[in-house]
Protein backbone atom coordinates (compact mmCIF):
# COMPACT_ATOMS: atom_id res chain seq x y z
CA MET A 1 0.00 -0.01 0.00
CA SER A 2 2.77 2.42 0.95
CA ARG A 3 4.57 1.84 -2.33
CA ASN A 4 1.44 2.65 -4.37
CA LYS A 5 0.82 5.74 -2.28
CA ASN A 6 4.38 6.94 -2.91
CA ARG A 7 4.08 6.25 -6.61
CA MET A 8 0.79 8.12 -6.79
CA GLU A 9 2.18 11.07 -4.81
CA LYS A 10 5.16 11.20 -7.11
CA SER A 11 3.26 11.08 -10.40
CA TYR A 12 -0.19 12.55 -9.93
CA PRO A 13 0.66 16.11 -11.12
CA THR A 14 2.06 14.78 -14.40
CA VAL A 15 -0.60 12.10 -14.92
CA ILE A 16 -3.51 14.46 -14.24
CA GLY A 17 -1.80 17.18 -16.33
CA LEU A 18 -1.54 14.77 -19.27
CA ILE A 19 -5.17 13.74 -18.92
CA VAL A 20 -6.39 17.36 -18.74
CA GLY A 21 -4.11 18.46 -21.60
CA PHE A 22 -5.14 15.70 -23.97
CA THR A 23 -8.80 16.02 -23.04
CA PHE A 24 -8.60 19.74 -23.70
CA PHE A 25 -6.97 19.09 -27.07
CA PHE A 26 -9.67 16.69 -28.19
CA LEU A 27 -12.47 18.95 -26.93
CA LEU A 28 -10.90 21.91 -28.69
CA HIS A 29 -9.79 20.21 -31.90
CA PHE A 30 -13.11 18.46 -32.51
CA ASP A 31 -15.01 21.68 -31.83
CA VAL A 32 -16.76 20.41 -28.72
CA LEU A 33 -15.33 23.16 -26.50
CA PRO A 34 -16.03 26.06 -28.89
CA SER A 35 -19.62 24.87 -29.42
CA LEU A 36 -20.13 24.65 -25.62
CA LEU A 37 -18.78 28.17 -25.16
CA LYS A 38 -20.89 29.50 -28.02
CA ASN A 39 -19.72 33.07 -28.76
CA VAL A 40 -16.34 32.89 -27.03
CA VAL A 41 -13.35 32.80 -29.37
CA VAL A 42 -11.24 30.21 -27.55
CA PRO A 43 -7.73 31.52 -28.41
CA GLY A 44 -8.81 35.09 -27.58
CA ALA A 45 -10.27 34.00 -24.25
CA PHE A 46 -6.84 32.79 -23.21
CA LYS A 47 -5.19 36.23 -23.32
CA GLY A 48 -6.43 37.00 -19.81
CA LEU A 49 -5.39 33.59 -18.58
CA PHE A 50 -1.88 34.06 -19.93
CA SER A 51 -1.54 37.32 -18.02
CA SER A 52 -2.94 35.76 -14.84
CA PHE A 53 -0.62 32.78 -15.07
CA MET A 54 2.40 35.03 -15.55
CA THR A 55 1.50 36.53 -12.19
CA ILE A 56 0.68 33.16 -10.58
CA SER A 57 3.92 31.65 -11.87
CA SER A 58 5.94 34.59 -10.54
CA ILE A 59 4.32 34.19 -7.12
CA ALA A 60 4.96 30.43 -7.19
CA ILE A 61 8.61 31.04 -8.06
CA GLY A 62 9.02 33.37 -5.07
CA PHE A 63 7.12 31.07 -2.72
CA LEU A 64 8.97 27.92 -3.74
CA ALA A 65 12.37 29.65 -3.59
CA ALA A 66 11.53 30.83 -0.06
CA ALA A 67 10.36 27.31 0.84
CA LEU A 68 13.65 25.88 -0.39
CA SER A 69 15.60 28.34 1.68
CA LEU A 70 13.48 27.45 4.69
CA LEU A 71 14.28 23.77 4.18
CA VAL A 72 17.97 24.59 4.07
CA ALA A 73 17.61 26.57 7.28
CA LEU A 74 15.85 23.62 8.94
CA SER A 75 18.33 21.08 7.63
CA ASN A 76 19.97 20.54 11.05
CA LYS A 77 16.68 20.02 12.89
CA PRO A 78 15.88 16.50 14.10
CA LEU A 79 12.96 16.09 11.71
CA MET A 80 15.11 16.97 8.68
CA GLU A 81 17.88 14.67 9.91
CA HIS A 82 15.28 11.91 10.17
CA LEU A 83 14.09 12.62 6.62
CA LYS A 84 17.70 12.40 5.42
CA GLU A 85 18.19 9.06 7.21
CA LEU A 86 15.04 7.69 5.60
CA GLY A 87 16.08 8.97 2.19
CA PHE A 88 13.09 11.33 1.84
CA TYR A 89 15.00 14.61 2.03
CA ASP A 90 16.09 14.42 -1.62
CA ARG A 91 12.52 13.66 -2.65
CA VAL A 92 11.26 16.71 -0.76
CA ILE A 93 13.86 18.87 -2.49
CA ARG A 94 12.80 17.42 -5.89
CA TYR A 95 9.15 18.13 -5.05
CA MET A 96 10.11 21.76 -4.41
CA THR A 97 12.38 22.24 -7.43
CA PHE A 98 10.07 20.53 -9.96
CA PRO A 99 7.27 23.15 -9.81
CA LEU A 100 9.88 25.89 -9.39
CA SER A 101 11.49 25.00 -12.71
CA LEU A 102 8.17 24.51 -14.47
CA SER A 103 6.90 27.84 -13.12
CA PHE A 104 9.74 29.63 -14.93
CA ILE A 105 8.82 27.82 -18.16
CA LEU A 106 5.11 28.59 -17.67
CA ALA A 107 5.81 32.27 -16.98
CA PHE A 108 7.92 32.67 -20.12
CA LEU A 109 5.50 30.64 -22.26
CA SER A 110 2.54 32.68 -20.97
CA ALA A 111 4.40 35.92 -21.67
CA GLY A 112 5.21 34.79 -25.20
CA LEU A 113 1.70 33.56 -25.88
CA SER A 114 0.18 36.81 -24.57
CA ILE A 115 1.84 38.74 -27.41
CA VAL A 116 1.30 36.22 -30.22
CA LYS A 117 -1.88 36.27 -32.27
CA LEU A 118 -3.53 32.87 -31.87
CA SER A 119 -6.53 33.25 -34.11
CA PRO A 120 -7.83 32.08 -36.45
CA ARG A 121 -7.68 28.70 -34.82
CA THR A 122 -5.44 26.15 -36.52
CA PHE A 123 -4.19 22.70 -35.64
CA LEU A 124 -0.94 24.23 -34.39
CA CYS A 125 -2.91 26.70 -32.26
CA ASP A 126 -4.88 23.80 -30.72
CA ILE A 127 -1.62 21.99 -29.90
CA ILE A 128 -0.06 25.10 -28.35
CA LEU A 129 -3.11 25.92 -26.23
CA SER A 130 -3.43 22.29 -25.10
CA GLY A 131 0.28 22.17 -24.23
CA TRP A 132 -0.14 25.31 -22.19
CA VAL A 133 -3.14 23.82 -20.36
CA LEU A 134 -1.14 20.64 -19.72
CA LEU A 135 1.80 22.60 -18.32
CA ALA A 136 -0.39 24.94 -16.24
CA THR A 137 -2.18 21.93 -14.69
CA ILE A 138 1.09 20.21 -13.83
CA VAL A 139 2.50 23.41 -12.28
CA VAL A 140 -0.59 24.01 -10.15
CA LEU A 141 -0.73 20.42 -8.91
CA ALA A 142 3.01 20.15 -8.29
CA ALA A 143 3.04 23.45 -6.40
CA TYR A 144 0.07 22.18 -4.34
CA ARG A 145 2.00 18.98 -3.56
CA ALA A 146 5.09 20.97 -2.54
CA THR A 147 3.03 23.28 -0.35
CA ARG A 148 1.25 20.38 1.33
CA ILE A 149 4.55 18.67 2.10
CA LEU A 150 6.09 21.90 3.40
CA VAL A 151 3.14 22.44 5.74
CA LYS A 152 3.53 18.89 7.10
CA ILE A 153 7.24 19.49 7.70
CA LEU A 154 6.59 22.78 9.46
CA LYS A 155 3.90 21.25 11.68
CA ASN A 156 6.27 18.50 12.77
CA SER A 157 9.43 20.56 13.30
């Protein structure tokens, strides 16, 4: 049971991100999403989201960098020593650096997409928007995972 729980904790941001990204692509590409949204031009509707996610990614970068520095500051505490002995310390660091790295990519991608004209909708446009949705989903879930783990560490230290 513990092994499956660890595997799920490790992979759920990526797995759910892939599911959401591919589902979004198929809904968008086969015109299910545009017909549900009626008068909304899907690529145009994303301009506000790109701007918002530039801000969210910047906040995530600052938060996760601060969290990493907090972990370094706590590295000599008994709880952190125990995590090191069990081999979980490196995993915690990876859980912090993964969304940190992806947040940089998401911020730059969002900035680039906010200045590029994405309509009329083409196959390439559908792929780009779906890739952005996939990445945004992974970043949000990975940052949530990192935050949840950091809170657990802080409660126990």
